[in-house]
Amino acid sequence: MNTSLKKKRFLPSGLSVIHLVLPAILAIALCICTIETVQAQKPFTPDKQGFVGIKVEDSTSPKGAKVVKVLPNSYADQAGIKPGNIIVSINKTHINSAADFHRATSKLSHDTFIDVGVIQNNTKVTRGVQVANLPGSKQAVSPQDKMSPFKNPPDSAPTLTITELAVSQNIIAPGTVFEIYMDLFAENSQEQSDEIRLTMIYTIKKGGRALTAAKPEKLTLPNGIPISIIRQCRAQKEPGNYEVLIKLEMANVKAEKSVTFVVKK
């Protein structure tokens, strides 16, 4: 008798143990991949993220993030950062665009301190800024924190806007993980709550056709305060021109915006 058959164990159904073990291993591997994807796309939690109180746009000369608004009485305002200044660094990170600024500030925790390098009157200076609690979070209890120059009048209609959308790389290698930067603004003056709940869906498209779509994500944003968030996405393996489409839904209000990128070997 073949000795290899002696070592092989069979179940009453005639299936060997390995027929059950292999599918189990594959199932575990699939679960691990799924968990990693969910963790990369976990919802934004306002109680952990800090708030700088600055709105920016791209600056090309010099390269950086141009300050367009500063929240009055915020730490940034108290540090002397003014509209028109060009932010060129945060701590040791160079800032070459608004997307760089969003990426750096979205990872900050409240109550930390940062060194912000800015160009003021053609001179580079460094401003020390404390990162505040995000307005609308459980830690932000000051009435001053609840006021915003971006907020609409009390009788205005609910507003939902994607003010900025960018990707970390315009040209991406196949299968590479990249980041999506978003500036979001949600405001409902008819609600007493400091928080607004909405749904976000992001889809990868090619030639106008949807290829993949992430599971709808529930977000909690501060009411009337613009905020920057980051999400991760994996590029397709096939080279070509692609589009990331972001959709937001809040009650009967919707907003969408897209940004393109190229997958190239």
C-alpha atoms as a PDB file:
ATOM      1  CA  MET A   1       0.000   0.000   0.000  1.00  0.00           C
ATOM      2  CA  ASN A   2       1.203   3.486  -0.770  1.00  0.00           C
ATOM      3  CA  THR A   3       2.556   5.010   2.465  1.00  0.00           C
ATOM      4  CA  SER A   4       1.375   8.498   1.439  1.00  0.00           C
ATOM      5  CA  LEU A   5      -2.218   7.274   1.644  1.00  0.00           C
ATOM      6  CA  LYS A   6      -1.672   6.077   5.203  1.00  0.00           C
ATOM      7  CA  LYS A   7      -0.698   9.545   6.322  1.00  0.00           C
ATOM      8  CA  LYS A   8      -3.658  11.255   4.653  1.00  0.00           C
ATOM      9  CA  ARG A   9      -6.690  11.641   6.946  1.00  0.00           C
ATOM     10  CA  PHE A  10     -10.199  11.435   5.523  1.00  0.00           C
ATOM     11  CA  LEU A  11     -13.487  12.603   7.002  1.00  0.00           C
ATOM     12  CA  PRO A  12     -16.589  10.389   6.904  1.00  0.00           C
ATOM     13  CA  SER A  13     -17.803  12.286   3.826  1.00  0.00           C
ATOM     14  CA  GLY A  14     -14.701  11.265   1.923  1.00  0.00           C
ATOM     15  CA  LEU A  15     -13.104  14.717   2.056  1.00  0.00           C
ATOM     16  CA  SER A  16      -9.567  14.970   3.403  1.00  0.00           C
ATOM     17  CA  VAL A  17      -8.702  17.388   6.199  1.00  0.00           C
ATOM     18  CA  ILE A  18      -6.726  19.523   3.762  1.00  0.00           C
ATOM     19  CA  HIS A  19      -9.910  20.134   1.739  1.00  0.00           C
ATOM     20  CA  LEU A  20     -11.320  21.972   4.755  1.00  0.00           C
ATOM     21  CA  VAL A  21      -8.106  23.554   6.018  1.00  0.00           C
ATOM     22  CA  LEU A  22      -7.219  25.314   2.759  1.00  0.00           C
ATOM     23  CA  PRO A  23     -10.596  27.133   2.377  1.00  0.00           C
ATOM     24  CA  ALA A  24     -10.366  28.162   6.029  1.00  0.00           C
ATOM     25  CA  ILE A  25      -6.908  29.664   5.477  1.00  0.00           C
ATOM     26  CA  LEU A  26      -8.167  31.528   2.406  1.00  0.00           C
ATOM     27  CA  ALA A  27     -11.161  32.848   4.343  1.00  0.00           C
ATOM     28  CA  ILE A  28      -8.892  34.155   7.110  1.00  0.00           C
ATOM     29  CA  ALA A  29      -6.659  35.870   4.537  1.00  0.00           C
ATOM     30  CA  LEU A  30      -9.685  37.540   2.962  1.00  0.00           C
ATOM     31  CA  CYS A  31     -10.868  38.754   6.368  1.00  0.00           C
ATOM     32  CA  ILE A  32      -7.470  40.308   7.051  1.00  0.00           C
ATOM     33  CA  CYS A  33      -7.582  42.203   3.737  1.00  0.00           C
ATOM     34  CA  THR A  34     -11.077  43.423   4.498  1.00  0.00           C
ATOM     35  CA  ILE A  35     -10.076  44.655   7.946  1.00  0.00           C
ATOM     36  CA  GLU A  36      -7.121  46.566   6.486  1.00  0.00           C
ATOM     37  CA  THR A  37      -9.408  48.249   3.964  1.00  0.00           C
ATOM     38  CA  VAL A  38     -11.931  49.270   6.624  1.00  0.00           C
ATOM     39  CA  GLN A  39      -9.172  50.638   8.854  1.00  0.00           C
ATOM     40  CA  ALA A  40      -7.789  52.717   5.985  1.00  0.00           C
ATOM     41  CA  GLN A  41     -11.241  54.182   5.402  1.00  0.00           C
ATOM     42  CA  LYS A  42     -12.399  54.515   9.042  1.00  0.00           C
ATOM     43  CA  PRO A  43     -14.781  57.395   9.704  1.00  0.00           C
ATOM     44  CA  PHE A  44     -13.536  60.797  10.767  1.00  0.00           C
ATOM     45  CA  THR A  45     -13.777  61.271  14.548  1.00  0.00           C
ATOM     46  CA  PRO A  46     -13.940  64.965  15.541  1.00  0.00           C
ATOM     47  CA  ASP A  47     -13.008  64.312  19.187  1.00  0.00           C
ATOM     48  CA  LYS A  48      -9.501  63.163  18.181  1.00  0.00           C
ATOM     49  CA  GLN A  49      -8.608  65.595  15.405  1.00  0.00           C
ATOM     50  CA  GLY A  50      -7.265  69.049  16.118  1.00  0.00           C
ATOM     51  CA  PHE A  51      -8.312  72.305  14.506  1.00  0.00           C
ATOM     52  CA  VAL A  52      -6.032  75.050  13.167  1.00  0.00           C
ATOM     53  CA  GLY A  53      -8.701  77.536  12.046  1.00  0.00           C
ATOM     54  CA  ILE A  54      -7.188  78.405   8.654  1.00  0.00           C
ATOM     55  CA  LYS A  55      -8.573  78.144   5.118  1.00  0.00           C
ATOM     56  CA  VAL A  56      -6.001  77.965   2.316  1.00  0.00           C
ATOM     57  CA  GLU A  57      -5.633  77.714  -1.452  1.00  0.00           C
ATOM     58  CA  ASP A  58      -2.715  76.877  -3.740  1.00  0.00           C
ATOM     59  CA  SER A  59       0.089  79.398  -4.118  1.00  0.00           C
ATOM     60  CA  THR A  60       2.537  79.125  -7.026  1.00  0.00           C
ATOM     61  CA  SER A  61       4.810  82.102  -6.370  1.00  0.00           C
ATOM     62  CA  PRO A  62       6.156  81.252  -3.914  1.00  0.00           C
ATOM     63  CA  LYS A  63       5.010  77.639  -3.725  1.00  0.00           C
ATOM     64  CA  GLY A  64       2.915  76.923  -0.686  1.00  0.00           C
ATOM     65  CA  ALA A  65      -0.567  77.286   0.787  1.00  0.00           C
ATOM     66  CA  LYS A  66      -1.998  80.804   0.659  1.00  0.00           C
ATOM     67  CA  VAL A  67      -4.077  81.772   3.692  1.00  0.00           C
ATOM     68  CA  VAL A  68      -7.498  83.058   2.581  1.00  0.00           C
ATOM     69  CA  LYS A  69      -9.247  83.096   5.981  1.00  0.00           C
ATOM     70  CA  VAL A  70      -8.280  82.868   9.638  1.00  0.00           C
ATOM     71  CA  LEU A  71     -10.821  82.150  12.369  1.00  0.00           C
ATOM     72  CA  PRO A  72     -10.959  85.255  14.618  1.00  0.00           C
ATOM     73  CA  ASN A  73      -9.479  84.736  18.106  1.00  0.00           C
ATOM     74  CA  SER A  74      -8.143  81.310  17.120  1.00  0.00           C
ATOM     75  CA  TYR A  75      -4.613  80.295  18.092  1.00  0.00           C
ATOM     76  CA  ALA A  76      -3.508  80.903  14.494  1.00  0.00           C
ATOM     77  CA  ASP A  77      -4.938  84.431  14.661  1.00  0.00           C
ATOM     78  CA  GLN A  78      -3.263  85.056  18.010  1.00  0.00           C
ATOM     79  CA  ALA A  79       0.050  83.788  16.577  1.00  0.00           C
ATOM     80  CA  GLY A  80      -0.082  86.499  13.919  1.00  0.00           C
ATOM     81  CA  ILE A  81      -0.993  84.461  10.842  1.00  0.00           C
ATOM     82  CA  LYS A  82      -2.953  86.680   8.454  1.00  0.00           C
ATOM     83  CA  PRO A  83      -4.881  86.291   5.166  1.00  0.00           C
ATOM     84  CA  GLY A  84      -2.435  86.621   2.289  1.00  0.00           C
ATOM     85  CA  ASN A  85       0.391  84.875   4.146  1.00  0.00           C
ATOM     86  CA  ILE A  86       1.958  81.897   2.372  1.00  0.00           C
ATOM     87  CA  ILE A  87       2.447  78.795   4.518  1.00  0.00           C
ATOM     88  CA  VAL A  88       5.609  76.989   3.388  1.00  0.00           C
ATOM     89  CA  SER A  89       6.210  74.549   6.244  1.00  0.00           C
ATOM     90  CA  ILE A  90       4.597  72.873   9.242  1.00  0.00           C
ATOM     91  CA  ASN A  91       7.174  71.622  11.723  1.00  0.00           C
ATOM     92  CA  LYS A  92       9.772  69.961   9.458  1.00  0.00           C
ATOM     93  CA  THR A  93       7.357  69.235   6.607  1.00  0.00           C
ATOM     94  CA  HIS A  94       7.590  71.403   3.480  1.00  0.00           C
ATOM     95  CA  ILE A  95       4.249  72.756   2.269  1.00  0.00           C
ATOM     96  CA  ASN A  96       4.092  73.249  -1.509  1.00  0.00           C
ATOM     97  CA  SER A  97       0.318  73.348  -1.993  1.00  0.00           C
ATOM     98  CA  ALA A  98      -3.049  73.445  -0.273  1.00  0.00           C
ATOM     99  CA  ALA A  99      -3.111  69.629  -0.481  1.00  0.00           C
ATOM    100  CA  ASP A 100       0.167  69.481   1.486  1.00  0.00           C
ATOM    101  CA  PHE A 101      -1.377  71.731   4.140  1.00  0.00           C
ATOM    102  CA  HIS A 102      -4.494  69.534   4.360  1.00  0.00           C
ATOM    103  CA  ARG A 103      -2.397  66.417   4.687  1.00  0.00           C
ATOM    104  CA  ALA A 104      -0.245  67.867   7.464  1.00  0.00           C
ATOM    105  CA  THR A 105      -3.043  69.442   9.509  1.00  0.00           C
ATOM    106  CA  SER A 106      -5.486  66.528   9.254  1.00  0.00           C
ATOM    107  CA  LYS A 107      -3.049  64.380  11.226  1.00  0.00           C
ATOM    108  CA  LEU A 108      -2.688  66.831  14.119  1.00  0.00           C
ATOM    109  CA  SER A 109      -4.079  66.113  17.566  1.00  0.00           C
ATOM    110  CA  HIS A 110      -5.643  68.848  19.668  1.00  0.00           C
ATOM    111  CA  ASP A 111      -3.593  70.548  22.392  1.00  0.00           C
ATOM    112  CA  THR A 112      -0.301  69.967  20.523  1.00  0.00           C
ATOM    113  CA  PHE A 113       1.984  72.749  19.276  1.00  0.00           C
ATOM    114  CA  ILE A 114       3.307  73.254  15.743  1.00  0.00           C
ATOM    115  CA  ASP A 115       5.831  75.561  14.109  1.00  0.00           C
ATOM    116  CA  VAL A 116       4.266  77.148  11.031  1.00  0.00           C
ATOM    117  CA  GLY A 117       6.684  78.674   8.516  1.00  0.00           C
ATOM    118  CA  VAL A 118       5.008  81.547   6.657  1.00  0.00           C
ATOM    119  CA  ILE A 119       5.996  84.219   4.171  1.00  0.00           C
ATOM    120  CA  GLN A 120       4.907  87.617   5.479  1.00  0.00           C
ATOM    121  CA  ASN A 121       5.893  90.827   3.688  1.00  0.00           C
ATOM    122  CA  ASN A 122       8.398  88.855   1.567  1.00  0.00           C
ATOM    123  CA  THR A 123      10.090  87.548   4.721  1.00  0.00           C
ATOM    124  CA  LYS A 124       9.973  84.003   6.050  1.00  0.00           C
ATOM    125  CA  VAL A 125       9.077  83.792   9.733  1.00  0.00           C
ATOM    126  CA  THR A 126       8.084  80.957  12.047  1.00  0.00           C
ATOM    127  CA  ARG A 127       4.897  81.180  14.104  1.00  0.00           C
ATOM    128  CA  GLY A 128       4.195  78.867  17.026  1.00  0.00           C
ATOM    129  CA  VAL A 129       0.564  77.734  16.912  1.00  0.00           C
ATOM    130  CA  GLN A 130      -1.339  75.611  19.406  1.00  0.00           C
ATOM    131  CA  VAL A 131      -3.742  73.130  17.854  1.00  0.00           C
ATOM    132  CA  ALA A 132      -7.229  73.738  19.221  1.00  0.00           C
ATOM    133  CA  ASN A 133     -10.093  71.369  19.947  1.00  0.00           C
ATOM    134  CA  LEU A 134     -12.302  70.973  16.914  1.00  0.00           C
ATOM    135  CA  PRO A 135     -15.436  73.153  17.294  1.00  0.00           C
ATOM    136  CA  GLY A 136     -18.399  70.875  17.820  1.00  0.00           C
ATOM    137  CA  SER A 137     -16.349  68.190  19.582  1.00  0.00           C
ATOM    138  CA  LYS A 138     -16.963  67.160  23.191  1.00  0.00           C
ATOM    139  CA  GLN A 139     -13.831  68.988  24.345  1.00  0.00           C
ATOM    140  CA  ALA A 140     -14.789  72.289  22.701  1.00  0.00           C
ATOM    141  CA  VAL A 141     -17.058  73.876  25.284  1.00  0.00           C
ATOM    142  CA  SER A 142     -16.163  77.529  24.830  1.00  0.00           C
ATOM    143  CA  PRO A 143     -19.002  79.557  23.237  1.00  0.00           C
ATOM    144  CA  GLN A 144     -16.310  81.367  21.279  1.00  0.00           C
ATOM    145  CA  ASP A 145     -15.272  78.090  19.643  1.00  0.00           C
ATOM    146  CA  LYS A 146     -18.824  77.572  18.420  1.00  0.00           C
ATOM    147  CA  MET A 147     -18.845  80.810  16.445  1.00  0.00           C
ATOM    148  CA  SER A 148     -17.500  80.794  12.899  1.00  0.00           C
ATOM    149  CA  PRO A 149     -17.019  83.457  10.225  1.00  0.00           C
ATOM    150  CA  PHE A 150     -17.874  80.772   7.681  1.00  0.00           C
ATOM    151  CA  LYS A 151     -21.347  80.143   9.083  1.00  0.00           C
ATOM    152  CA  ASN A 152     -24.439  81.211   7.152  1.00  0.00           C
ATOM    153  CA  PRO A 153     -27.260  83.415   8.559  1.00  0.00           C
ATOM    154  CA  PRO A 154     -29.790  81.606  10.819  1.00  0.00           C
ATOM    155  CA  ASP A 155     -32.565  81.652   8.203  1.00  0.00           C
ATOM    156  CA  SER A 156     -30.432  80.259   5.353  1.00  0.00           C
ATOM    157  CA  ALA A 157     -30.910  76.850   3.738  1.00  0.00           C
ATOM    158  CA  PRO A 158     -28.672  73.900   4.710  1.00  0.00           C
ATOM    159  CA  THR A 159     -25.330  73.913   2.899  1.00  0.00           C
ATOM    160  CA  LEU A 160     -23.136  70.988   1.886  1.00  0.00           C
ATOM    161  CA  THR A 161     -19.970  71.632  -0.121  1.00  0.00           C
ATOM    162  CA  ILE A 162     -16.728  69.944  -1.174  1.00  0.00           C
ATOM    163  CA  THR A 163     -14.595  73.064  -1.374  1.00  0.00           C
ATOM    164  CA  GLU A 164     -11.347  71.276  -2.262  1.00  0.00           C
ATOM    165  CA  LEU A 165     -10.496  67.820  -3.599  1.00  0.00           C
ATOM    166  CA  ALA A 166      -7.009  66.587  -4.471  1.00  0.00           C
ATOM    167  CA  VAL A 167      -4.948  63.392  -4.703  1.00  0.00           C
ATOM    168  CA  SER A 168      -1.455  62.858  -3.298  1.00  0.00           C
ATOM    169  CA  GLN A 169      -0.076  61.910  -6.729  1.00  0.00           C
ATOM    170  CA  ASN A 170      -1.261  62.794 -10.233  1.00  0.00           C
ATOM    171  CA  ILE A 171       0.691  59.908 -11.775  1.00  0.00           C
ATOM    172  CA  ILE A 172       0.433  56.664  -9.815  1.00  0.00           C
ATOM    173  CA  ALA A 173       2.029  53.252 -10.292  1.00  0.00           C
ATOM    174  CA  PRO A 174      -0.433  50.351 -10.781  1.00  0.00           C
ATOM    175  CA  GLY A 175      -1.815  48.988  -7.501  1.00  0.00           C
ATOM    176  CA  THR A 176      -0.250  51.774  -5.426  1.00  0.00           C
ATOM    177  CA  VAL A 177      -2.070  53.152  -2.375  1.00  0.00           C
ATOM    178  CA  PHE A 178      -2.588  56.918  -2.626  1.00  0.00           C
ATOM    179  CA  GLU A 179      -4.372  59.533  -0.536  1.00  0.00           C
ATOM    180  CA  ILE A 180      -7.424  61.668  -1.256  1.00  0.00           C
ATOM    181  CA  TYR A 181      -7.534  65.087   0.433  1.00  0.00           C
ATOM    182  CA  MET A 182     -10.897  66.749   1.003  1.00  0.00           C
ATOM    183  CA  ASP A 183     -12.047  70.098   2.345  1.00  0.00           C
ATOM    184  CA  LEU A 184     -15.664  69.660   3.453  1.00  0.00           C
ATOM    185  CA  PHE A 185     -18.210  72.165   4.714  1.00  0.00           C
ATOM    186  CA  ALA A 186     -21.611  71.243   6.167  1.00  0.00           C
ATOM    187  CA  GLU A 187     -23.938  73.731   7.808  1.00  0.00           C
ATOM    188  CA  ASN A 188     -27.532  73.695   8.915  1.00  0.00           C
ATOM    189  CA  SER A 189     -28.440  76.879  10.796  1.00  0.00           C
ATOM    190  CA  GLN A 190     -31.872  75.436  11.633  1.00  0.00           C
ATOM    191  CA  GLU A 191     -30.263  72.682  13.747  1.00  0.00           C
ATOM    192  CA  GLN A 192     -29.242  73.352  17.338  1.00  0.00           C
ATOM    193  CA  SER A 193     -26.592  70.626  17.301  1.00  0.00           C
ATOM    194  CA  ASP A 194     -22.913  71.488  16.862  1.00  0.00           C
ATOM    195  CA  GLU A 195     -22.527  68.359  14.733  1.00  0.00           C
ATOM    196  CA  ILE A 196     -23.954  67.281  11.393  1.00  0.00           C
ATOM    197  CA  ARG A 197     -24.204  63.678  10.246  1.00  0.00           C
ATOM    198  CA  LEU A 198     -23.949  62.839   6.574  1.00  0.00           C
ATOM    199  CA  THR A 199     -23.022  60.038   4.183  1.00  0.00           C
ATOM    200  CA  MET A 200     -20.007  59.964   1.885  1.00  0.00           C
ATOM    201  CA  ILE A 201     -19.492  57.686  -1.104  1.00  0.00           C
ATOM    202  CA  TYR A 202     -16.350  57.660  -3.222  1.00  0.00           C
ATOM    203  CA  THR A 203     -16.085  55.889  -6.551  1.00  0.00           C
ATOM    204  CA  ILE A 204     -13.277  55.168  -9.013  1.00  0.00           C
ATOM    205  CA  LYS A 205     -14.322  55.761 -12.614  1.00  0.00           C
ATOM    206  CA  LYS A 206     -12.715  55.290 -16.028  1.00  0.00           C
ATOM    207  CA  GLY A 207     -14.139  56.717 -19.222  1.00  0.00           C
ATOM    208  CA  GLY A 208     -17.271  57.767 -17.344  1.00  0.00           C
ATOM    209  CA  ARG A 209     -17.920  54.197 -16.163  1.00  0.00           C
ATOM    210  CA  ALA A 210     -17.844  53.303 -12.457  1.00  0.00           C
ATOM    211  CA  LEU A 211     -15.293  50.571 -11.703  1.00  0.00           C
ATOM    212  CA  THR A 212     -15.312  50.339  -7.918  1.00  0.00           C
ATOM    213  CA  ALA A 213     -17.190  52.092  -5.130  1.00  0.00           C
ATOM    214  CA  ALA A 214     -16.362  52.070  -1.422  1.00  0.00           C
ATOM    215  CA  LYS A 215     -19.063  51.202   1.076  1.00  0.00           C
ATOM    216  CA  PRO A 216     -21.018  54.357   2.083  1.00  0.00           C
ATOM    217  CA  GLU A 217     -19.308  55.982   5.043  1.00  0.00           C
ATOM    218  CA  LYS A 218     -21.083  57.827   7.843  1.00  0.00           C
ATOM    219  CA  LEU A 219     -19.363  61.096   8.764  1.00  0.00           C
ATOM    220  CA  THR A 220     -19.849  63.480  11.662  1.00  0.00           C
ATOM    221  CA  LEU A 221     -18.744  67.024  10.793  1.00  0.00           C
ATOM    222  CA  PRO A 222     -18.813  70.237  12.829  1.00  0.00           C
ATOM    223  CA  ASN A 223     -21.840  72.394  12.032  1.00  0.00           C
ATOM    224  CA  GLY A 224     -20.681  75.451  10.092  1.00  0.00           C
ATOM    225  CA  ILE A 225     -16.921  74.849  10.355  1.00  0.00           C
ATOM    226  CA  PRO A 226     -14.831  73.783   7.325  1.00  0.00           C
ATOM    227  CA  ILE A 227     -12.709  70.684   7.928  1.00  0.00           C
ATOM    228  CA  SER A 228     -10.023  68.729   6.055  1.00  0.00           C
ATOM    229  CA  ILE A 229      -9.971  64.920   5.996  1.00  0.00           C
ATOM    230  CA  ILE A 230      -7.910  62.232   4.251  1.00  0.00           C
ATOM    231  CA  ARG A 231      -8.924  58.864   2.856  1.00  0.00           C
ATOM    232  CA  GLN A 232      -6.810  56.147   1.238  1.00  0.00           C
ATOM    233  CA  CYS A 233      -7.503  54.400  -2.046  1.00  0.00           C
ATOM    234  CA  ARG A 234      -5.672  51.810  -4.138  1.00  0.00           C
ATOM    235  CA  ALA A 235      -5.008  52.544  -7.819  1.00  0.00           C
ATOM    236  CA  GLN A 236      -6.186  50.130 -10.489  1.00  0.00           C
ATOM    237  CA  LYS A 237      -3.655  47.707 -11.985  1.00  0.00           C
ATOM    238  CA  GLU A 238      -4.529  48.630 -15.568  1.00  0.00           C
ATOM    239  CA  PRO A 239      -2.789  51.809 -16.879  1.00  0.00           C
ATOM    240  CA  GLY A 240      -5.007  54.656 -18.027  1.00  0.00           C
ATOM    241  CA  ASN A 241      -6.801  57.838 -16.991  1.00  0.00           C
ATOM    242  CA  TYR A 242      -9.041  57.547 -13.928  1.00  0.00           C
ATOM    243  CA  GLU A 243     -11.343  59.720 -11.837  1.00  0.00           C
ATOM    244  CA  VAL A 244     -12.198  59.784  -8.139  1.00  0.00           C
ATOM    245  CA  LEU A 245     -15.781  60.903  -7.592  1.00  0.00           C
ATOM    246  CA  ILE A 246     -16.832  62.019  -4.106  1.00  0.00           C
ATOM    247  CA  LYS A 247     -20.523  62.281  -3.229  1.00  0.00           C
ATOM    248  CA  LEU A 248     -21.972  63.698  -0.010  1.00  0.00           C
ATOM    249  CA  GLU A 249     -25.562  63.418   1.152  1.00  0.00           C
ATOM    250  CA  MET A 250     -27.186  65.206   4.103  1.00  0.00           C
ATOM    251  CA  ALA A 251     -30.972  64.830   4.311  1.00  0.00           C
ATOM    252  CA  ASN A 252     -32.178  66.291   0.993  1.00  0.00           C
ATOM    253  CA  VAL A 253     -28.928  68.157   0.286  1.00  0.00           C
ATOM    254  CA  LYS A 254     -26.266  66.619  -1.982  1.00  0.00           C
ATOM    255  CA  ALA A 255     -22.826  67.624  -3.227  1.00  0.00           C
ATOM    256  CA  GLU A 256     -20.235  65.988  -5.455  1.00  0.00           C
ATOM    257  CA  LYS A 257     -16.802  66.707  -6.866  1.00  0.00           C
ATOM    258  CA  SER A 258     -14.207  64.729  -8.829  1.00  0.00           C
ATOM    259  CA  VAL A 259     -10.454  64.734  -9.402  1.00  0.00           C
ATOM    260  CA  THR A 260      -8.459  62.859 -12.041  1.00  0.00           C
ATOM    261  CA  PHE A 261      -5.244  60.833 -11.882  1.00  0.00           C
ATOM    262  CA  VAL A 262      -3.192  58.670 -14.249  1.00  0.00           C
ATOM    263  CA  VAL A 263      -2.087  55.073 -13.648  1.00  0.00           C
ATOM    264  CA  LYS A 264       1.209  54.552 -15.442  1.00  0.00           C
ATOM    265  CA  LYS A 265       3.895  51.882 -15.235  1.00  0.00           C
END
